Amino acid sequence: MTYLIQQQDIQKTVEQFLLSNGYSAALIRRLRHTEQSILKNGIPVYTTYRLDEGGSLAVTLPEEHGSENIVPVPMDLDIRYEDRDLLVVNKAAGVPIHPSQGNHDNTLANGIAWYLGEKGEAATYRAINRLDRDTTGLLILARHALSACMLSEMVRAHTIRRCYLAAASGLVPPEGVIDAPIARTCDSTIERCVDFERGDSARTHYRTLYYNRDTDCSLVELRLETGRTHQIRVHMKHIGHPLPGDFLYNPDYRLIGRQALHSWQLDFIHPIKKEPLHFEAPLPEDMRRLFGQETNTVPPIQRSPFG
């Protein structure tokens, strides 16, 4: 990465400059211990060096090493975008994001390790937005430490715009905002509930796009203001319209074998190129079936979720 030193950067230390450009303190510590990783006009400098007028600052990121203990496993991946800084993947249902104690080789991390390994690249795995195992749709993966820092900060600052589609039981009102704090249930390590005393603030905006009388399901567009664990699933249950097939909050599998939730759209600014990015992933087949053959009657939206 090469940066031109601007007037407003003069007298900043290199560390201050890097922090202002999205580098984390941890990444800066790694740079300190990497020889010739920071050059001012071609000359190595310390992070305490104060920038003067003119020239450039070149930063060489520490060499990436593959994530330990991730076994490469061939997987049919739907890569929606790829460059040297990030990947956007359309995740299938039933695929966990990370390996766990009982699952070491059937996760998205294994598939990405195989995909990058086939290209001769280090398979360092950094998932930015999290999706549950049975939630389908768009997921961002950072390719290196700097893009991971910057994308993670964008998640914290809520500047990555996420839009989901869900099939919800019953006829959902046309639109609304669910403002209900979420906490872990007292007798479970994974289940969440609405709790106005113990919960963390959580807000979900929703809009109903379509209703199918045959399945008694509404197609709902949801946008998150916060990012609590299971937020959409808990909030939709809270207003009386749980997602069919949700093993935790509505274990009714007559219509679909997993929670009917899909990460449909992502909008964000590229962390390095500073260009606006927009991605969409059409509804998967199992959710399409919940709305029969009448997909052309879906009310107008930016783009049809049915592809």
Protein backbone atom coordinates (compact mmCIF):
# COMPACT_ATOMS: atom_id res chain seq x y z
CA MET A 1 0.00 0.00 0.00
CA THR A 2 1.42 3.39 -0.98
CA TYR A 3 0.07 6.67 0.41
CA LEU A 4 0.85 10.20 -0.72
CA ILE A 5 1.55 12.43 2.26
CA GLN A 6 -0.92 15.31 2.34
CA GLN A 7 -0.71 18.66 4.12
CA GLN A 8 -3.00 17.47 6.91
CA ASP A 9 -0.68 14.52 7.59
CA ILE A 10 2.42 16.60 8.36
CA GLN A 11 3.70 16.13 11.94
CA LYS A 12 1.58 13.04 12.51
CA THR A 13 3.56 10.05 13.64
CA VAL A 14 3.51 7.08 11.31
CA GLU A 15 1.42 5.24 13.90
CA GLN A 16 -1.14 8.05 14.02
CA PHE A 17 -1.25 8.12 10.22
CA LEU A 18 -1.80 4.38 9.98
CA LEU A 19 -4.51 4.42 12.64
CA SER A 20 -6.32 7.16 10.72
CA ASN A 21 -6.17 4.99 7.60
CA GLY A 22 -7.83 1.97 9.15
CA TYR A 23 -4.90 -0.02 10.53
CA SER A 24 -5.57 -1.65 13.88
CA ALA A 25 -3.16 -1.40 16.80
CA ALA A 26 -2.51 -5.14 16.48
CA LEU A 27 -1.59 -4.84 12.81
CA ILE A 28 0.72 -1.90 13.55
CA ARG A 29 2.48 -4.02 16.18
CA ARG A 30 3.05 -6.69 13.52
CA LEU A 31 4.48 -4.07 11.16
CA ARG A 32 6.93 -2.93 13.86
CA HIS A 33 8.37 -6.45 13.94
CA THR A 34 8.60 -6.84 10.16
CA GLU A 35 11.78 -5.52 8.56
CA GLN A 36 11.39 -2.72 6.01
CA SER A 37 7.61 -2.88 6.25
CA ILE A 38 7.27 0.93 6.42
CA LEU A 39 9.24 3.12 4.00
CA LYS A 40 9.20 6.92 3.73
CA ASN A 41 10.40 7.77 0.21
CA GLY A 42 12.11 4.39 0.11
CA ILE A 43 13.84 4.72 3.50
CA PRO A 44 12.75 2.53 6.46
CA VAL A 45 11.14 4.49 9.31
CA TYR A 46 9.81 3.66 12.75
CA THR A 47 6.16 4.10 13.72
CA THR A 48 7.28 7.01 15.96
CA TYR A 49 8.66 8.92 12.96
CA ARG A 50 6.86 12.22 12.30
CA LEU A 51 5.85 12.78 8.72
CA ASP A 52 7.20 15.79 6.89
CA GLU A 53 6.09 17.44 3.69
CA GLY A 54 6.16 15.64 0.35
CA GLY A 55 6.74 12.15 -0.84
CA SER A 56 5.02 8.92 0.01
CA LEU A 57 4.71 6.28 2.67
CA ALA A 58 4.85 2.67 1.46
CA VAL A 59 3.52 -0.07 3.73
CA THR A 60 4.17 -3.75 3.04
CA LEU A 61 1.73 -5.96 4.91
CA PRO A 62 3.18 -8.92 6.80
CA GLU A 63 3.22 -12.12 4.76
CA GLU A 64 0.03 -14.11 5.07
CA HIS A 65 0.20 -17.66 6.39
CA GLY A 66 -2.61 -20.15 6.05
CA SER A 67 -5.06 -20.37 8.94
CA GLU A 68 -3.97 -23.22 11.16
CA ASN A 69 -6.04 -26.39 11.55
CA ILE A 70 -8.30 -25.68 8.55
CA VAL A 71 -8.28 -28.72 6.28
CA PRO A 72 -8.76 -27.90 2.57
CA VAL A 73 -11.90 -29.68 1.31
CA PRO A 74 -13.25 -29.41 -2.27
CA MET A 75 -16.56 -27.54 -2.24
CA ASP A 76 -18.91 -26.09 -4.84
CA LEU A 77 -18.58 -22.37 -4.06
CA ASP A 78 -20.66 -19.52 -5.47
CA ILE A 79 -18.12 -16.67 -5.56
CA ARG A 80 -19.92 -13.40 -6.35
CA TYR A 81 -16.87 -11.11 -6.20
CA GLU A 82 -13.13 -11.52 -5.82
CA ASP A 83 -10.12 -9.23 -5.79
CA ARG A 84 -6.85 -9.06 -3.86
CA ASP A 85 -8.60 -7.52 -0.83
CA LEU A 86 -11.85 -9.42 -0.32
CA LEU A 87 -14.25 -12.14 -1.43
CA VAL A 88 -18.04 -12.11 -1.46
CA VAL A 89 -19.56 -15.60 -1.33
CA ASN A 90 -23.16 -16.77 -1.67
CA LYS A 91 -23.29 -19.38 1.11
CA ALA A 92 -25.43 -22.49 0.77
CA ALA A 93 -27.74 -23.83 3.48
CA GLY A 94 -26.34 -26.33 5.97
CA VAL A 95 -22.77 -24.99 5.75
CA PRO A 96 -21.26 -23.61 8.98
CA ILE A 97 -18.87 -20.69 8.59
CA HIS A 98 -16.20 -21.93 11.01
CA PRO A 99 -14.95 -25.36 12.08
CA SER A 100 -16.12 -26.48 15.50
CA GLN A 101 -15.33 -29.30 17.89
CA GLY A 102 -17.69 -31.68 16.12
CA ASN A 103 -17.18 -30.44 12.57
CA HIS A 104 -13.66 -29.99 11.23
CA ASP A 105 -14.12 -30.56 7.51
CA ASN A 106 -17.59 -29.52 6.32
CA THR A 107 -17.48 -25.76 6.72
CA LEU A 108 -17.10 -22.76 4.46
CA ALA A 109 -13.60 -22.27 5.89
CA ASN A 110 -12.60 -25.69 4.51
CA GLY A 111 -14.00 -24.84 1.09
CA ILE A 112 -12.23 -21.47 0.96
CA ALA A 113 -8.95 -23.11 2.07
CA TRP A 114 -9.28 -25.53 -0.86
CA TYR A 115 -10.27 -22.78 -3.33
CA LEU A 116 -7.33 -20.52 -2.45
CA GLY A 117 -4.94 -23.45 -2.20
CA GLU A 118 -5.80 -24.44 -5.77
CA LYS A 119 -4.67 -20.95 -6.80
CA GLY A 120 -1.44 -21.23 -4.82
CA GLU A 121 -2.52 -18.63 -2.26
CA ALA A 122 -2.36 -18.67 1.53
CA ALA A 123 -5.74 -19.62 2.93
CA THR A 124 -6.09 -17.09 5.72
CA TYR A 125 -9.77 -17.15 6.68
CA ARG A 126 -11.47 -13.99 7.95
CA ALA A 127 -15.28 -13.95 7.83
CA ILE A 128 -16.57 -10.40 8.33
CA ASN A 129 -20.34 -10.75 8.61
CA ARG A 130 -21.62 -13.90 10.29
CA LEU A 131 -24.39 -16.16 9.03
CA ASP A 132 -25.88 -19.09 10.92
CA ARG A 133 -25.32 -22.56 9.49
CA ASP A 134 -28.75 -22.79 7.88
CA THR A 135 -28.97 -19.16 6.72
CA THR A 136 -28.14 -18.75 3.04
CA GLY A 137 -26.76 -15.80 1.14
CA LEU A 138 -24.03 -13.20 0.96
CA LEU A 139 -20.97 -13.26 3.17
CA ILE A 140 -17.84 -11.06 3.08
CA LEU A 141 -14.38 -12.57 3.55
CA ALA A 142 -11.27 -10.41 3.99
CA ARG A 143 -8.17 -11.48 2.07
CA HIS A 144 -5.57 -9.79 4.29
CA ALA A 145 -5.13 -8.17 7.68
CA LEU A 146 -5.74 -4.57 6.55
CA SER A 147 -8.99 -5.25 4.72
CA ALA A 148 -10.09 -7.31 7.74
CA CYS A 149 -9.40 -4.35 10.07
CA MET A 150 -11.27 -1.91 7.87
CA LEU A 151 -14.24 -4.16 7.14
CA SER A 152 -14.59 -5.10 10.81
CA GLU A 153 -14.66 -1.42 11.72
CA MET A 154 -17.36 -0.88 9.09
CA VAL A 155 -19.42 -3.61 10.76
CA ARG A 156 -18.99 -1.91 14.15
CA ALA A 157 -19.93 1.47 12.64
CA HIS A 158 -22.97 -0.04 10.86
CA THR A 159 -21.79 1.23 7.47
CA ILE A 160 -22.25 -2.14 5.75
CA ARG A 161 -25.88 -2.11 4.65
CA ARG A 162 -27.36 -5.59 4.97
CA CYS A 163 -30.74 -6.63 3.65
CA TYR A 164 -32.28 -10.04 4.32
CA LEU A 165 -35.28 -11.89 2.97
CA ALA A 166 -37.28 -14.19 5.22
CA ALA A 167 -40.34 -16.35 4.86
CA ALA A 168 -42.44 -15.59 7.94
CA SER A 169 -45.45 -17.51 9.19
CA GLY A 170 -48.78 -15.78 8.64
CA LEU A 171 -49.72 -12.45 7.10
CA VAL A 172 -47.13 -9.95 8.35
CA PRO A 173 -48.17 -6.24 8.57
CA PRO A 174 -47.07 -4.11 5.59
CA GLU A 175 -44.09 -2.57 7.40
CA GLY A 176 -42.73 -1.69 10.79
CA VAL A 177 -39.81 -1.45 13.19
CA ILE A 178 -39.20 -4.02 15.90
CA ASP A 179 -37.45 -2.35 18.82
CA ALA A 180 -36.95 -5.08 21.40
CA PRO A 181 -33.78 -5.89 23.38
CA ILE A 182 -32.34 -9.39 23.06
CA ALA A 183 -30.65 -11.53 25.72
CA ARG A 184 -29.49 -15.11 26.06
CA THR A 185 -32.14 -17.35 27.62
CA CYS A 186 -31.27 -18.41 31.14
CA ASP A 187 -31.21 -22.16 30.44
CA SER A 188 -29.40 -22.22 27.07
CA THR A 189 -26.00 -21.27 25.70
CA ILE A 190 -27.30 -20.58 22.19
CA GLU A 191 -30.97 -19.64 22.39
CA ARG A 192 -31.94 -15.96 22.60
CA CYS A 193 -35.11 -14.17 23.64
CA VAL A 194 -36.59 -10.71 23.94
CA ASP A 195 -35.86 -9.44 27.45
CA PHE A 196 -36.59 -5.82 28.32
CA GLU A 197 -34.62 -6.03 31.59
CA ARG A 198 -31.43 -7.89 30.64
CA GLY A 199 -31.31 -7.53 26.88
CA ASP A 200 -29.06 -5.52 24.58
CA SER A 201 -30.79 -3.01 22.34
CA ALA A 202 -31.90 -4.42 18.98
CA ARG A 203 -33.83 -2.81 16.10
CA THR A 204 -35.08 -4.48 12.94
CA HIS A 205 -36.88 -2.73 10.08
CA TYR A 206 -39.21 -4.87 7.98
CA ARG A 207 -41.38 -4.58 4.89
CA THR A 208 -43.76 -7.23 3.58
CA LEU A 209 -43.32 -7.89 -0.14
CA TYR A 210 -45.71 -10.76 -0.81
CA TYR A 211 -48.13 -13.18 0.88
CA ASN A 212 -48.95 -16.72 -0.28
CA ARG A 213 -52.29 -17.96 1.05
CA ASP A 214 -51.50 -21.56 0.11
CA THR A 215 -48.54 -21.77 2.48
CA ASP A 216 -49.66 -18.96 4.81
CA CYS A 217 -46.22 -17.38 4.46
CA SER A 218 -45.14 -13.77 3.93
CA LEU A 219 -42.01 -12.79 2.05
CA VAL A 220 -40.44 -10.10 4.22
CA GLU A 221 -37.53 -7.75 3.54
CA LEU A 222 -35.53 -7.00 6.70
CA ARG A 223 -32.82 -4.46 7.43
CA LEU A 224 -30.79 -4.54 10.62
CA GLU A 225 -29.94 -1.47 12.65
CA THR A 226 -28.06 -3.65 15.14
CA GLY A 227 -26.47 -7.06 14.78
CA ARG A 228 -27.48 -9.24 17.72
CA THR A 229 -27.19 -13.01 17.58
CA HIS A 230 -30.33 -14.51 15.98
CA GLN A 231 -31.84 -11.01 15.81
CA ILE A 232 -34.21 -11.57 12.88
CA ARG A 233 -35.30 -14.98 14.10
CA VAL A 234 -36.00 -13.74 17.63
CA HIS A 235 -37.70 -10.52 16.53
CA MET A 236 -40.02 -12.24 14.06
CA LYS A 237 -41.05 -14.73 16.72
CA HIS A 238 -41.60 -11.82 19.11
CA ILE A 239 -44.18 -10.21 16.80
CA GLY A 240 -45.96 -13.53 16.24
CA HIS A 241 -44.54 -14.41 12.82
CA PRO A 242 -41.69 -16.89 13.36
CA LEU A 243 -39.71 -18.30 10.46
CA PRO A 244 -40.84 -21.78 9.39
CA GLY A 245 -38.22 -24.48 9.80
CA ASP A 246 -36.37 -22.69 12.61
CA PHE A 247 -35.12 -25.46 14.91
CA LEU A 248 -34.75 -23.10 17.88
CA TYR A 249 -37.72 -20.75 17.59
CA ASN A 250 -40.29 -22.55 15.41
CA PRO A 251 -39.42 -26.22 14.76
CA ASP A 252 -42.13 -26.76 12.15
CA TYR A 253 -40.57 -28.48 9.13
CA ARG A 254 -43.68 -29.13 7.05
CA LEU A 255 -42.77 -26.40 4.55
CA ILE A 256 -38.99 -26.18 4.72
CA GLY A 257 -36.21 -28.08 6.47
CA ARG A 258 -34.27 -25.08 7.79
CA GLN A 259 -34.94 -21.53 8.93
CA ALA A 260 -36.25 -19.60 5.92
CA LEU A 261 -33.71 -16.77 6.05
CA HIS A 262 -31.49 -15.44 3.26
CA SER A 263 -28.82 -12.71 3.17
CA TRP A 264 -30.07 -11.00 0.01
CA GLN A 265 -28.18 -7.71 -0.46
CA LEU A 266 -24.94 -6.12 0.70
CA ASP A 267 -23.91 -2.50 0.10
CA PHE A 268 -20.62 -1.07 1.32
CA ILE A 269 -17.60 0.97 0.29
CA HIS A 270 -14.60 -1.06 -0.81
CA PRO A 271 -12.10 -0.74 2.08
CA ILE A 272 -9.09 -0.13 -0.17
CA LYS A 273 -10.41 1.16 -3.49
CA LYS A 274 -13.07 3.35 -1.82
CA GLU A 275 -15.60 2.42 -4.51
CA PRO A 276 -19.26 1.63 -3.75
CA LEU A 277 -20.10 -2.06 -4.03
CA HIS A 278 -23.54 -3.67 -4.35
CA PHE A 279 -24.25 -7.41 -4.34
CA GLU A 280 -27.41 -9.50 -4.56
CA ALA A 281 -28.11 -13.22 -4.30
CA PRO A 282 -31.52 -14.50 -5.49
CA LEU A 283 -33.67 -16.59 -3.18
CA PRO A 284 -32.60 -20.23 -3.05
CA GLU A 285 -34.96 -22.85 -4.42
CA ASP A 286 -36.28 -24.10 -1.07
CA MET A 287 -37.51 -20.60 -0.17
CA ARG A 288 -38.86 -19.95 -3.67
CA ARG A 289 -41.11 -23.00 -3.31
CA LEU A 290 -42.86 -21.37 -0.35
CA PHE A 291 -44.27 -18.78 -2.73
CA GLY A 292 -45.52 -21.08 -5.48
CA GLN A 293 -45.55 -20.07 -9.13
CA GLU A 294 -46.95 -16.56 -8.63
CA THR A 295 -43.60 -14.81 -8.34
CA ASN A 296 -44.50 -12.24 -10.99
CA THR A 297 -47.07 -10.74 -8.63
CA VAL A 298 -44.45 -9.64 -6.11
CA PRO A 299 -44.83 -5.86 -5.56
CA PRO A 300 -42.15 -3.70 -7.24
CA ILE A 301 -38.87 -3.44 -5.34
CA GLN A 302 -35.36 -2.45 -6.40
CA ARG A 303 -34.85 -5.88 -7.98
CA SER A 304 -36.88 -9.05 -7.77
CA PRO A 305 -35.59 -11.39 -5.05
CA PHE A 306 -36.52 -14.29 -7.30
CA GLY A 307 -33.76 -13.49 -9.80
